[in-house]
């Protein structure tokens, strides 16, 4: 699951993930993502932090409350919140990883590698 209020970011991340053989769905807001979680059980949620209404921290907290700490893997990707205190807030909210934009695709794929089944 990819969540970002910038459509280009969603499309870019979806293309990257699908090119690697991942099944991926994109959403333009935290609110849309929360609604989708009622029908879609993702292994990973990649989310922007700075989004209107339901931001990434709120999304992470709600996902953790509903699904627990073990799954899904939560990855924040942000261009705005890059200070150490922001990373601490992300950890408290339930994110497993915190990347900054522009994100190195290899770094993102490395975080996903342990979840991929060997072919």
PDB file of N, CA and C in Angstrom:
ATOM      1  N   UNK A   1       0.843  -1.163   0.000  1.00  0.00           N
ATOM      2  CA  UNK A   1       0.000   0.000   0.000  1.00  0.00           C
ATOM      3  C   UNK A   1       0.896   1.235   0.000  1.00  0.00           C
ATOM      4  N   UNK A   2       0.644   2.139  -0.934  1.00  0.00           N
ATOM      5  CA  UNK A   2       1.368   3.398  -1.030  1.00  0.00           C
ATOM      6  C   UNK A   2       0.382   4.524  -0.760  1.00  0.00           C
ATOM      7  N   UNK A   3       0.747   5.431   0.159  1.00  0.00           N
ATOM      8  CA  UNK A   3      -0.145   6.519   0.534  1.00  0.00           C
ATOM      9  C   UNK A   3       0.614   7.836   0.457  1.00  0.00           C
ATOM     10  N   UNK A   4       0.140   8.738  -0.390  1.00  0.00           N
ATOM     11  CA  UNK A   4       0.763  10.058  -0.517  1.00  0.00           C
ATOM     12  C   UNK A   4      -0.239  10.986  -1.186  1.00  0.00           C
ATOM     13  N   UNK A   5      -0.277  12.232  -0.753  1.00  0.00           N
ATOM     14  CA  UNK A   5      -1.214  13.185  -1.348  1.00  0.00           C
ATOM     15  C   UNK A   5      -0.695  13.778  -2.653  1.00  0.00           C
ATOM     16  N   UNK A   6       0.512  13.397  -3.073  1.00  0.00           N
ATOM     17  CA  UNK A   6       1.048  13.814  -4.366  1.00  0.00           C
ATOM     18  C   UNK A   6       0.922  12.643  -5.339  1.00  0.00           C
ATOM     19  N   UNK A   7       0.042  12.759  -6.337  1.00  0.00           N
ATOM     20  CA  UNK A   7      -0.189  11.636  -7.258  1.00  0.00           C
ATOM     21  C   UNK A   7       1.071  11.131  -7.954  1.00  0.00           C
ATOM     22  N   UNK A   8       1.994  12.034  -8.293  1.00  0.00           N
ATOM     23  CA  UNK A   8       3.226  11.594  -8.966  1.00  0.00           C
ATOM     24  C   UNK A   8       4.046  10.668  -8.077  1.00  0.00           C
ATOM     25  N   UNK A   9       4.072  10.951  -6.783  1.00  0.00           N
ATOM     26  CA  UNK A   9       4.814  10.088  -5.854  1.00  0.00           C
ATOM     27  C   UNK A   9       4.170   8.714  -5.786  1.00  0.00           C
ATOM     28  N   UNK A  10       2.849   8.686  -5.699  1.00  0.00           N
ATOM     29  CA  UNK A  10       2.135   7.405  -5.657  1.00  0.00           C
ATOM     30  C   UNK A  10       2.427   6.606  -6.920  1.00  0.00           C
ATOM     31  N   UNK A  11       2.313   7.243  -8.082  1.00  0.00           N
ATOM     32  CA  UNK A  11       2.539   6.540  -9.349  1.00  0.00           C
ATOM     33  C   UNK A  11       3.971   6.035  -9.481  1.00  0.00           C
ATOM     34  N   UNK A  12       4.932   6.845  -9.049  1.00  0.00           N
ATOM     35  CA  UNK A  12       6.335   6.440  -9.127  1.00  0.00           C
ATOM     36  C   UNK A  12       6.611   5.237  -8.232  1.00  0.00           C
ATOM     37  N   UNK A  13       6.122   5.291  -6.992  1.00  0.00           N
ATOM     38  CA  UNK A  13       6.351   4.173  -6.080  1.00  0.00           C
ATOM     39  C   UNK A  13       5.615   2.919  -6.535  1.00  0.00           C
ATOM     40  N   UNK A  14       4.404   3.077  -7.051  1.00  0.00           N
ATOM     41  CA  UNK A  14       3.679   1.916  -7.567  1.00  0.00           C
ATOM     42  C   UNK A  14       4.440   1.278  -8.724  1.00  0.00           C
ATOM     43  N   UNK A  15       4.964   2.095  -9.640  1.00  0.00           N
ATOM     44  CA  UNK A  15       5.728   1.562 -10.774  1.00  0.00           C
ATOM     45  C   UNK A  15       6.954   0.809 -10.289  1.00  0.00           C
ATOM     46  N   UNK A  16       7.662   1.374  -9.322  1.00  0.00           N
ATOM     47  CA  UNK A  16       8.848   0.716  -8.764  1.00  0.00           C
ATOM     48  C   UNK A  16       8.484  -0.629  -8.152  1.00  0.00           C
ATOM     49  N   UNK A  17       7.456  -0.639  -7.333  1.00  0.00           N
ATOM     50  CA  UNK A  17       7.060  -1.866  -6.646  1.00  0.00           C
ATOM     51  C   UNK A  17       6.556  -2.924  -7.620  1.00  0.00           C
ATOM     52  N   UNK A  18       5.727  -2.512  -8.565  1.00  0.00           N
ATOM     53  CA  UNK A  18       5.189  -3.469  -9.527  1.00  0.00           C
ATOM     54  C   UNK A  18       6.287  -4.017 -10.432  1.00  0.00           C
ATOM     55  N   UNK A  19       7.259  -3.168 -10.763  1.00  0.00           N
ATOM     56  CA  UNK A  19       8.394  -3.624 -11.572  1.00  0.00           C
ATOM     57  C   UNK A  19       9.182  -4.714 -10.844  1.00  0.00           C
ATOM     58  N   UNK A  20       9.145  -4.684  -9.522  1.00  0.00           N
ATOM     59  CA  UNK A  20       9.829  -5.692  -8.710  1.00  0.00           C
ATOM     60  C   UNK A  20       8.939  -6.904  -8.417  1.00  0.00           C
ATOM     61  N   UNK A  21       7.745  -6.918  -8.995  1.00  0.00           N
ATOM     62  CA  UNK A  21       6.848  -8.053  -8.829  1.00  0.00           C
ATOM     63  C   UNK A  21       5.923  -7.973  -7.632  1.00  0.00           C
ATOM     64  N   UNK A  22       5.842  -6.807  -7.013  1.00  0.00           N
ATOM     65  CA  UNK A  22       4.967  -6.629  -5.847  1.00  0.00           C
ATOM     66  C   UNK A  22       3.558  -6.275  -6.298  1.00  0.00           C
ATOM     67  N   UNK A  23       2.574  -6.782  -5.595  1.00  0.00           N
ATOM     68  CA  UNK A  23       1.201  -6.334  -5.781  1.00  0.00           C
ATOM     69  C   UNK A  23       1.062  -5.073  -4.949  1.00  0.00           C
ATOM     70  N   UNK A  24       0.676  -3.966  -5.569  1.00  0.00           N
ATOM     71  CA  UNK A  24       0.632  -2.699  -4.848  1.00  0.00           C
ATOM     72  C   UNK A  24      -0.601  -1.896  -5.237  1.00  0.00           C
ATOM     73  N   UNK A  25      -1.143  -1.208  -4.252  1.00  0.00           N
ATOM     74  CA  UNK A  25      -2.285  -0.308  -4.461  1.00  0.00           C
ATOM     75  C   UNK A  25      -1.902   1.062  -3.927  1.00  0.00           C
ATOM     76  N   UNK A  26      -2.368   2.100  -4.601  1.00  0.00           N
ATOM     77  CA  UNK A  26      -2.044   3.457  -4.200  1.00  0.00           C
ATOM     78  C   UNK A  26      -3.264   4.230  -3.734  1.00  0.00           C
ATOM     79  N   UNK A  27      -3.018   5.143  -2.793  1.00  0.00           N
ATOM     80  CA  UNK A  27      -4.082   5.962  -2.226  1.00  0.00           C
ATOM     81  C   UNK A  27      -3.586   7.386  -2.047  1.00  0.00           C
ATOM     82  N   UNK A  28      -4.471   8.361  -2.274  1.00  0.00           N
ATOM     83  CA  UNK A  28      -4.105   9.766  -2.234  1.00  0.00           C
ATOM     84  C   UNK A  28      -4.283  10.440  -0.899  1.00  0.00           C
ATOM     85  N   UNK A  29      -4.729   9.699   0.106  1.00  0.00           N
ATOM     86  CA  UNK A  29      -4.893  10.297   1.434  1.00  0.00           C
ATOM     87  C   UNK A  29      -4.878   9.206   2.498  1.00  0.00           C
ATOM     88  N   UNK A  30      -4.579   9.629   3.709  1.00  0.00           N
ATOM     89  CA  UNK A  30      -4.628   8.704   4.832  1.00  0.00           C
ATOM     90  C   UNK A  30      -6.032   8.179   5.072  1.00  0.00           C
ATOM     91  N   UNK A  31      -7.014   9.025   4.856  1.00  0.00           N
ATOM     92  CA  UNK A  31      -8.411   8.614   5.043  1.00  0.00           C
ATOM     93  C   UNK A  31      -8.785   7.503   4.060  1.00  0.00           C
ATOM     94  N   UNK A  32      -8.384   7.660   2.779  1.00  0.00           N
ATOM     95  CA  UNK A  32      -8.647   6.607   1.786  1.00  0.00           C
ATOM     96  C   UNK A  32      -7.963   5.303   2.182  1.00  0.00           C
ATOM     97  N   UNK A  33      -6.749   5.412   2.653  1.00  0.00           N
ATOM     98  CA  UNK A  33      -5.997   4.221   3.046  1.00  0.00           C
ATOM     99  C   UNK A  33      -6.676   3.500   4.207  1.00  0.00           C
ATOM    100  N   UNK A  34      -7.146   4.250   5.187  1.00  0.00           N
ATOM    101  CA  UNK A  34      -7.826   3.625   6.325  1.00  0.00           C
ATOM    102  C   UNK A  34      -9.095   2.909   5.882  1.00  0.00           C
ATOM    103  N   UNK A  35      -9.836   3.507   4.974  1.00  0.00           N
ATOM    104  CA  UNK A  35     -11.045   2.836   4.455  1.00  0.00           C
ATOM    105  C   UNK A  35     -10.660   1.557   3.718  1.00  0.00           C
ATOM    106  N   UNK A  36      -9.586   1.618   2.932  1.00  0.00           N
ATOM    107  CA  UNK A  36      -9.156   0.456   2.148  1.00  0.00           C
ATOM    108  C   UNK A  36      -8.692  -0.689   3.033  1.00  0.00           C
ATOM    109  N   UNK A  37      -8.161  -0.376   4.210  1.00  0.00           N
ATOM    110  CA  UNK A  37      -7.679  -1.420   5.112  1.00  0.00           C
ATOM    111  C   UNK A  37      -8.790  -2.338   5.594  1.00  0.00           C
ATOM    112  N   UNK A  38     -10.037  -1.926   5.431  1.00  0.00           N
ATOM    113  CA  UNK A  38     -11.156  -2.782   5.813  1.00  0.00           C
ATOM    114  C   UNK A  38     -11.315  -3.953   4.841  1.00  0.00           C
ATOM    115  N   UNK A  39     -10.763  -3.780   3.603  1.00  0.00           N
ATOM    116  CA  UNK A  39     -10.894  -4.823   2.595  1.00  0.00           C
ATOM    117  C   UNK A  39      -9.554  -5.338   2.069  1.00  0.00           C
ATOM    118  N   UNK A  40      -8.479  -4.630   2.353  1.00  0.00           N
ATOM    119  CA  UNK A  40      -7.160  -4.946   1.819  1.00  0.00           C
ATOM    120  C   UNK A  40      -6.208  -5.120   2.987  1.00  0.00           C
ATOM    121  N   UNK A  41      -5.526  -6.254   3.033  1.00  0.00           N
ATOM    122  CA  UNK A  41      -4.629  -6.582   4.137  1.00  0.00           C
ATOM    123  C   UNK A  41      -3.186  -6.533   3.639  1.00  0.00           C
ATOM    124  N   UNK A  42      -2.565  -5.349   3.633  1.00  0.00           N
ATOM    125  CA  UNK A  42      -1.228  -5.232   3.056  1.00  0.00           C
ATOM    126  C   UNK A  42      -0.137  -5.781   3.974  1.00  0.00           C
ATOM    127  N   UNK A  43       0.934  -6.245   3.366  1.00  0.00           N
ATOM    128  CA  UNK A  43       2.122  -6.635   4.121  1.00  0.00           C
ATOM    129  C   UNK A  43       2.941  -5.406   4.495  1.00  0.00           C
ATOM    130  N   UNK A  44       2.809  -4.343   3.664  1.00  0.00           N
ATOM    131  CA  UNK A  44       3.598  -3.129   3.842  1.00  0.00           C
ATOM    132  C   UNK A  44       2.724  -1.912   3.569  1.00  0.00           C
ATOM    133  N   UNK A  45       2.909  -0.870   4.376  1.00  0.00           N
ATOM    134  CA  UNK A  45       2.299   0.432   4.108  1.00  0.00           C
ATOM    135  C   UNK A  45       3.447   1.438   4.014  1.00  0.00           C
ATOM    136  N   UNK A  46       3.561   2.062   2.845  1.00  0.00           N
ATOM    137  CA  UNK A  46       4.556   3.113   2.611  1.00  0.00           C
ATOM    138  C   UNK A  46       3.774   4.414   2.578  1.00  0.00           C
ATOM    139  N   UNK A  47       4.075   5.309   3.505  1.00  0.00           N
ATOM    140  CA  UNK A  47       3.242   6.504   3.636  1.00  0.00           C
ATOM    141  C   UNK A  47       4.057   7.785   3.771  1.00  0.00           C
ATOM    142  N   UNK A  48       3.562   8.816   3.119  1.00  0.00           N
ATOM    143  CA  UNK A  48       4.042  10.166   3.360  1.00  0.00           C
ATOM    144  C   UNK A  48       3.614  10.537   4.774  1.00  0.00           C
ATOM    145  N   UNK A  49       4.275  11.506   5.353  1.00  0.00           N
ATOM    146  CA  UNK A  49       3.888  11.974   6.684  1.00  0.00           C
ATOM    147  C   UNK A  49       3.006  13.205   6.582  1.00  0.00           C
ATOM    148  N   UNK A  50       3.417  14.192   5.785  1.00  0.00           N
ATOM    149  CA  UNK A  50       2.702  15.464   5.688  1.00  0.00           C
ATOM    150  C   UNK A  50       1.551  15.360   4.692  1.00  0.00           C
ATOM    151  N   UNK A  51       0.394  14.961   5.206  1.00  0.00           N
ATOM    152  CA  UNK A  51      -0.816  14.891   4.389  1.00  0.00           C
ATOM    153  C   UNK A  51      -1.932  15.592   5.146  1.00  0.00           C
ATOM    154  N   UNK A  52      -2.865  16.206   4.417  1.00  0.00           N
ATOM    155  CA  UNK A  52      -3.981  16.866   5.093  1.00  0.00           C
ATOM    156  C   UNK A  52      -4.932  15.846   5.727  1.00  0.00           C
ATOM    157  N   UNK A  53      -5.674  16.298   6.694  1.00  0.00           N
ATOM    158  CA  UNK A  53      -6.691  15.500   7.387  1.00  0.00           C
ATOM    159  C   UNK A  53      -6.032  14.383   8.203  1.00  0.00           C
ATOM    160  N   UNK A  54      -5.850  13.215   7.634  1.00  0.00           N
ATOM    161  CA  UNK A  54      -5.197  12.098   8.320  1.00  0.00           C
ATOM    162  C   UNK A  54      -3.748  12.056   7.848  1.00  0.00           C
ATOM    163  N   UNK A  55      -2.830  12.542   8.694  1.00  0.00           N
ATOM    164  CA  UNK A  55      -1.416  12.549   8.295  1.00  0.00           C
ATOM    165  C   UNK A  55      -0.800  11.161   8.502  1.00  0.00           C
ATOM    166  N   UNK A  56       0.454  11.022   8.125  1.00  0.00           N
ATOM    167  CA  UNK A  56       1.120   9.723   8.226  1.00  0.00           C
ATOM    168  C   UNK A  56       1.234   9.207   9.644  1.00  0.00           C
ATOM    169  N   UNK A  57       1.469  10.111  10.593  1.00  0.00           N
ATOM    170  CA  UNK A  57       1.545   9.677  11.987  1.00  0.00           C
ATOM    171  C   UNK A  57       0.190   9.136  12.460  1.00  0.00           C
ATOM    172  N   UNK A  58      -0.888   9.840  12.101  1.00  0.00           N
ATOM    173  CA  UNK A  58      -2.227   9.370  12.465  1.00  0.00           C
ATOM    174  C   UNK A  58      -2.524   8.028  11.810  1.00  0.00           C
ATOM    175  N   UNK A  59      -2.157   7.909  10.538  1.00  0.00           N
ATOM    176  CA  UNK A  59      -2.370   6.655   9.816  1.00  0.00           C
ATOM    177  C   UNK A  59      -1.635   5.506  10.505  1.00  0.00           C
ATOM    178  N   UNK A  60      -0.377   5.726  10.844  1.00  0.00           N
ATOM    179  CA  UNK A  60       0.409   4.676  11.504  1.00  0.00           C
ATOM    180  C   UNK A  60      -0.219   4.268  12.835  1.00  0.00           C
ATOM    181  N   UNK A  61      -0.628   5.245  13.633  1.00  0.00           N
ATOM    182  CA  UNK A  61      -1.258   4.929  14.927  1.00  0.00           C
ATOM    183  C   UNK A  61      -2.523   4.095  14.736  1.00  0.00           C
ATOM    184  N   UNK A  62      -3.344   4.485  13.760  1.00  0.00           N
ATOM    185  CA  UNK A  62      -4.599   3.752  13.528  1.00  0.00           C
ATOM    186  C   UNK A  62      -4.338   2.343  13.009  1.00  0.00           C
ATOM    187  N   UNK A  63      -3.346   2.208  12.134  1.00  0.00           N
ATOM    188  CA  UNK A  63      -2.992   0.879  11.626  1.00  0.00           C
ATOM    189  C   UNK A  63      -2.507   0.005  12.774  1.00  0.00           C
ATOM    190  N   UNK A  64      -1.641   0.532  13.614  1.00  0.00           N
ATOM    191  CA  UNK A  64      -1.129  -0.247  14.741  1.00  0.00           C
ATOM    192  C   UNK A  64      -2.238  -0.612  15.716  1.00  0.00           C
ATOM    193  N   UNK A  65      -3.151   0.310  15.958  1.00  0.00           N
ATOM    194  CA  UNK A  65      -4.253   0.031  16.879  1.00  0.00           C
ATOM    195  C   UNK A  65      -5.140  -1.083  16.318  1.00  0.00           C
ATOM    196  N   UNK A  66      -5.381  -1.048  15.021  1.00  0.00           N
ATOM    197  CA  UNK A  66      -6.270  -2.032  14.405  1.00  0.00           C
ATOM    198  C   UNK A  66      -5.591  -3.372  14.130  1.00  0.00           C
ATOM    199  N   UNK A  67      -4.288  -3.340  13.781  1.00  0.00           N
ATOM    200  CA  UNK A  67      -3.641  -4.549  13.286  1.00  0.00           C
ATOM    201  C   UNK A  67      -2.499  -5.057  14.153  1.00  0.00           C
ATOM    202  N   UNK A  68      -2.060  -4.281  15.118  1.00  0.00           N
ATOM    203  CA  UNK A  68      -0.983  -4.723  15.989  1.00  0.00           C
ATOM    204  C   UNK A  68       0.383  -4.242  15.545  1.00  0.00           C
ATOM    205  N   UNK A  69       1.408  -4.595  16.324  1.00  0.00           N
ATOM    206  CA  UNK A  69       2.774  -4.102  16.074  1.00  0.00           C
ATOM    207  C   UNK A  69       3.556  -4.930  15.061  1.00  0.00           C
ATOM    208  N   UNK A  70       3.156  -6.159  14.831  1.00  0.00           N
ATOM    209  CA  UNK A  70       3.971  -7.040  14.008  1.00  0.00           C
ATOM    210  C   UNK A  70       3.773  -6.858  12.507  1.00  0.00           C
ATOM    211  N   UNK A  71       2.600  -6.502  12.115  1.00  0.00           N
ATOM    212  CA  UNK A  71       2.319  -6.365  10.698  1.00  0.00           C
ATOM    213  C   UNK A  71       1.213  -5.362  10.509  1.00  0.00           C
ATOM    214  N   UNK A  72       1.200  -4.617   9.482  1.00  0.00           N
ATOM    215  CA  UNK A  72       2.139  -4.607   8.379  1.00  0.00           C
ATOM    216  C   UNK A  72       3.410  -3.830   8.706  1.00  0.00           C
ATOM    217  N   UNK A  73       4.415  -3.993   7.867  1.00  0.00           N
ATOM    218  CA  UNK A  73       5.617  -3.179   7.958  1.00  0.00           C
ATOM    219  C   UNK A  73       5.216  -1.756   7.563  1.00  0.00           C
ATOM    220  N   UNK A  74       5.541  -0.780   8.405  1.00  0.00           N
ATOM    221  CA  UNK A  74       5.195   0.619   8.118  1.00  0.00           C
ATOM    222  C   UNK A  74       6.457   1.406   7.794  1.00  0.00           C
ATOM    223  N   UNK A  75       6.459   2.025   6.619  1.00  0.00           N
ATOM    224  CA  UNK A  75       7.602   2.807   6.162  1.00  0.00           C
ATOM    225  C   UNK A  75       7.142   4.229   5.873  1.00  0.00           C
ATOM    226  N   UNK A  76       7.723   5.187   6.568  1.00  0.00           N
ATOM    227  CA  UNK A  76       7.443   6.603   6.308  1.00  0.00           C
ATOM    228  C   UNK A  76       8.442   7.108   5.280  1.00  0.00           C
ATOM    229  N   UNK A  77       7.944   7.896   4.329  1.00  0.00           N
ATOM    230  CA  UNK A  77       8.811   8.591   3.377  1.00  0.00           C
ATOM    231  C   UNK A  77       8.382  10.050   3.394  1.00  0.00           C
ATOM    232  N   UNK A  78       9.275  10.927   3.823  1.00  0.00           N
ATOM    233  CA  UNK A  78       8.896  12.324   3.977  1.00  0.00           C
ATOM    234  C   UNK A  78       9.967  13.272   3.457  1.00  0.00           C
ATOM    235  N   UNK A  79       9.518  14.393   2.958  1.00  0.00           N
ATOM    236  CA  UNK A  79      10.437  15.435   2.541  1.00  0.00           C
ATOM    237  C   UNK A  79      10.402  16.624   3.474  1.00  0.00           C
ATOM    238  N   UNK A  80       9.397  16.655   4.319  1.00  0.00           N
ATOM    239  CA  UNK A  80       9.193  17.810   5.193  1.00  0.00           C
ATOM    240  C   UNK A  80       9.696  17.575   6.614  1.00  0.00           C
ATOM    241  N   UNK A  81       9.436  16.423   7.156  1.00  0.00           N
ATOM    242  CA  UNK A  81       9.784  16.128   8.551  1.00  0.00           C
ATOM    243  C   UNK A  81      11.050  15.277   8.589  1.00  0.00           C
ATOM    244  N   UNK A  82      12.193  15.931   8.704  1.00  0.00           N
ATOM    245  CA  UNK A  82      13.465  15.221   8.578  1.00  0.00           C
ATOM    246  C   UNK A  82      14.365  15.334   9.808  1.00  0.00           C
ATOM    247  N   UNK A  83      13.866  15.929  10.882  1.00  0.00           N
ATOM    248  CA  UNK A  83      14.682  16.090  12.087  1.00  0.00           C
ATOM    249  C   UNK A  83      14.627  14.823  12.939  1.00  0.00           C
ATOM    250  N   UNK A  84      15.574  14.689  13.841  1.00  0.00           N
ATOM    251  CA  UNK A  84      15.600  13.529  14.736  1.00  0.00           C
ATOM    252  C   UNK A  84      14.328  13.432  15.568  1.00  0.00           C
ATOM    253  N   UNK A  85      13.779  14.566  15.981  1.00  0.00           N
ATOM    254  CA  UNK A  85      12.535  14.526  16.762  1.00  0.00           C
ATOM    255  C   UNK A  85      11.385  13.982  15.916  1.00  0.00           C
ATOM    256  N   UNK A  86      11.393  14.282  14.607  1.00  0.00           N
ATOM    257  CA  UNK A  86      10.357  13.749  13.718  1.00  0.00           C
ATOM    258  C   UNK A  86      10.469  12.230  13.606  1.00  0.00           C
ATOM    259  N   UNK A  87      11.700  11.740  13.553  1.00  0.00           N
ATOM    260  CA  UNK A  87      11.920  10.290  13.500  1.00  0.00           C
ATOM    261  C   UNK A  87      11.435   9.629  14.794  1.00  0.00           C
ATOM    262  N   UNK A  88      11.645  10.301  15.908  1.00  0.00           N
ATOM    263  CA  UNK A  88      11.171   9.777  17.190  1.00  0.00           C
ATOM    264  C   UNK A  88       9.644   9.726  17.213  1.00  0.00           C
ATOM    265  N   UNK A  89       8.994  10.771  16.709  1.00  0.00           N
ATOM    266  CA  UNK A  89       7.532  10.779  16.632  1.00  0.00           C
ATOM    267  C   UNK A  89       7.023   9.651  15.739  1.00  0.00           C
ATOM    268  N   UNK A  90       7.740   9.388  14.654  1.00  0.00           N
ATOM    269  CA  UNK A  90       7.355   8.304  13.760  1.00  0.00           C
ATOM    270  C   UNK A  90       7.468   6.950  14.463  1.00  0.00           C
ATOM    271  N   UNK A  91       8.507   6.784  15.238  1.00  0.00           N
ATOM    272  CA  UNK A  91       8.691   5.545  15.996  1.00  0.00           C
ATOM    273  C   UNK A  91       7.558   5.369  17.000  1.00  0.00           C
ATOM    274  N   UNK A  92       7.221   6.438  17.689  1.00  0.00           N
ATOM    275  CA  UNK A  92       6.126   6.384  18.669  1.00  0.00           C
ATOM    276  C   UNK A  92       4.802   6.058  17.982  1.00  0.00           C
ATOM    277  N   UNK A  93       4.601   6.611  16.782  1.00  0.00           N
ATOM    278  CA  UNK A  93       3.360   6.356  16.039  1.00  0.00           C
ATOM    279  C   UNK A  93       3.269   4.919  15.548  1.00  0.00           C
ATOM    280  N   UNK A  94       4.430   4.250  15.377  1.00  0.00           N
ATOM    281  CA  UNK A  94       4.404   2.858  14.961  1.00  0.00           C
ATOM    282  C   UNK A  94       5.143   2.543  13.681  1.00  0.00           C
ATOM    283  N   UNK A  95       5.786   3.548  13.073  1.00  0.00           N
ATOM    284  CA  UNK A  95       6.562   3.270  11.864  1.00  0.00           C
ATOM    285  C   UNK A  95       7.768   2.406  12.201  1.00  0.00           C
ATOM    286  N   UNK A  96       8.081   1.486  11.303  1.00  0.00           N
ATOM    287  CA  UNK A  96       9.273   0.649  11.445  1.00  0.00           C
ATOM    288  C   UNK A  96      10.506   1.320  10.849  1.00  0.00           C
ATOM    289  N   UNK A  97      10.302   2.091   9.782  1.00  0.00           N
ATOM    290  CA  UNK A  97      11.409   2.736   9.081  1.00  0.00           C
ATOM    291  C   UNK A  97      11.009   4.152   8.690  1.00  0.00           C
ATOM    292  N   UNK A  98      12.010   5.007   8.542  1.00  0.00           N
ATOM    293  CA  UNK A  98      11.786   6.422   8.251  1.00  0.00           C
ATOM    294  C   UNK A  98      12.780   6.865   7.190  1.00  0.00           C
ATOM    295  N   UNK A  99      12.290   7.098   5.979  1.00  0.00           N
ATOM    296  CA  UNK A  99      13.136   7.520   4.867  1.00  0.00           C
ATOM    297  C   UNK A  99      12.801   8.956   4.486  1.00  0.00           C
ATOM    298  N   UNK A 100      13.788   9.648   3.924  1.00  0.00           N
ATOM    299  CA  UNK A 100      13.543  11.017   3.483  1.00  0.00           C
ATOM    300  C   UNK A 100      13.510  11.081   1.955  1.00  0.00           C
ATOM    301  N   UNK A 101      12.725  12.026   1.460  1.00  0.00           N
ATOM    302  CA  UNK A 101      12.622  12.260   0.024  1.00  0.00           C
ATOM    303  C   UNK A 101      13.764  13.164  -0.406  1.00  0.00           C
ATOM    304  N   UNK A 102      14.311  12.984  -1.572  1.00  0.00           N
ATOM    305  CA  UNK A 102      13.985  11.879  -2.476  1.00  0.00           C
ATOM    306  C   UNK A 102      14.566  10.571  -1.950  1.00  0.00           C
ATOM    307  N   UNK A 103      13.764   9.569  -2.010  1.00  0.00           N
ATOM    308  CA  UNK A 103      14.137   8.269  -1.455  1.00  0.00           C
ATOM    309  C   UNK A 103      14.930   7.469  -2.482  1.00  0.00           C
ATOM    310  N   UNK A 104      16.006   6.876  -2.045  1.00  0.00           N
ATOM    311  CA  UNK A 104      16.792   5.989  -2.903  1.00  0.00           C
ATOM    312  C   UNK A 104      15.982   4.700  -3.107  1.00  0.00           C
ATOM    313  N   UNK A 105      15.597   4.387  -4.336  1.00  0.00           N
ATOM    314  CA  UNK A 105      14.804   3.181  -4.574  1.00  0.00           C
ATOM    315  C   UNK A 105      15.464   1.911  -4.032  1.00  0.00           C
ATOM    316  N   UNK A 106      16.791   1.835  -4.114  1.00  0.00           N
ATOM    317  CA  UNK A 106      17.491   0.650  -3.611  1.00  0.00           C
ATOM    318  C   UNK A 106      17.323   0.523  -2.102  1.00  0.00           C
ATOM    319  N   UNK A 107      17.313   1.646  -1.387  1.00  0.00           N
ATOM    320  CA  UNK A 107      17.125   1.614   0.068  1.00  0.00           C
ATOM    321  C   UNK A 107      15.726   1.110   0.403  1.00  0.00           C
ATOM    322  N   UNK A 108      14.731   1.577  -0.335  1.00  0.00           N
ATOM    323  CA  UNK A 108      13.359   1.118  -0.108  1.00  0.00           C
ATOM    324  C   UNK A 108      13.232  -0.369  -0.403  1.00  0.00           C
ATOM    325  N   UNK A 109      13.757  -0.799  -1.532  1.00  0.00           N
ATOM    326  CA  UNK A 109      13.662  -2.217  -1.898  1.00  0.00           C
ATOM    327  C   UNK A 109      14.420  -3.106  -0.916  1.00  0.00           C
ATOM    328  N   UNK A 110      15.497  -2.603  -0.352  1.00  0.00           N
ATOM    329  CA  UNK A 110      16.239  -3.374   0.654  1.00  0.00           C
ATOM    330  C   UNK A 110      15.381  -3.612   1.896  1.00  0.00           C
ATOM    331  N   UNK A 111      14.545  -2.645   2.257  1.00  0.00           N
ATOM    332  CA  UNK A 111      13.657  -2.822   3.413  1.00  0.00           C
ATOM    333  C   UNK A 111      12.584  -3.868   3.128  1.00  0.00           C
ATOM    334  N   UNK A 112      12.215  -3.992   1.875  1.00  0.00           N
ATOM    335  CA  UNK A 112      11.153  -4.946   1.483  1.00  0.00           C
ATOM    336  C   UNK A 112      11.702  -6.346   1.243  1.00  0.00           C
ATOM    337  N   UNK A 113      12.997  -6.461   0.977  1.00  0.00           N
ATOM    338  CA  UNK A 113      13.600  -7.742   0.605  1.00  0.00           C
ATOM    339  C   UNK A 113      13.287  -8.894   1.568  1.00  0.00           C
ATOM    340  N   UNK A 114      13.337  -8.675   2.884  1.00  0.00           N
ATOM    341  CA  UNK A 114      13.049  -9.808   3.783  1.00  0.00           C
ATOM    342  C   UNK A 114      11.613 -10.347   3.671  1.00  0.00           C
ATOM    343  N   UNK A 115      10.717  -9.561   3.122  1.00  0.00           N
ATOM    344  CA  UNK A 115       9.325  -9.994   2.991  1.00  0.00           C
ATOM    345  C   UNK A 115       9.055 -10.749   1.711  1.00  0.00           C
ATOM    346  N   UNK A 116       9.977 -10.661   0.782  1.00  0.00           N
ATOM    347  CA  UNK A 116       9.774 -11.283  -0.529  1.00  0.00           C
ATOM    348  C   UNK A 116      10.043 -12.767  -0.444  1.00  0.00           C
ATOM    349  N   UNK A 117       9.159 -13.535  -1.043  1.00  0.00           N
ATOM    350  CA  UNK A 117       9.363 -14.988  -1.059  1.00  0.00           C
ATOM    351  C   UNK A 117      10.338 -15.341  -2.184  1.00  0.00           C
ATOM    352  N   UNK A 118      11.222 -16.289  -1.936  1.00  0.00           N
ATOM    353  CA  UNK A 118      12.160 -16.697  -2.984  1.00  0.00           C
ATOM    354  C   UNK A 118      11.417 -17.380  -4.129  1.00  0.00           C
ATOM    355  N   UNK A 119      11.847 -17.085  -5.341  1.00  0.00           N
ATOM    356  CA  UNK A 119      11.184 -17.679  -6.520  1.00  0.00           C
ATOM    357  C   UNK A 119      11.840 -18.978  -6.896  1.00  0.00           C
TER     358      UNK A 119
END
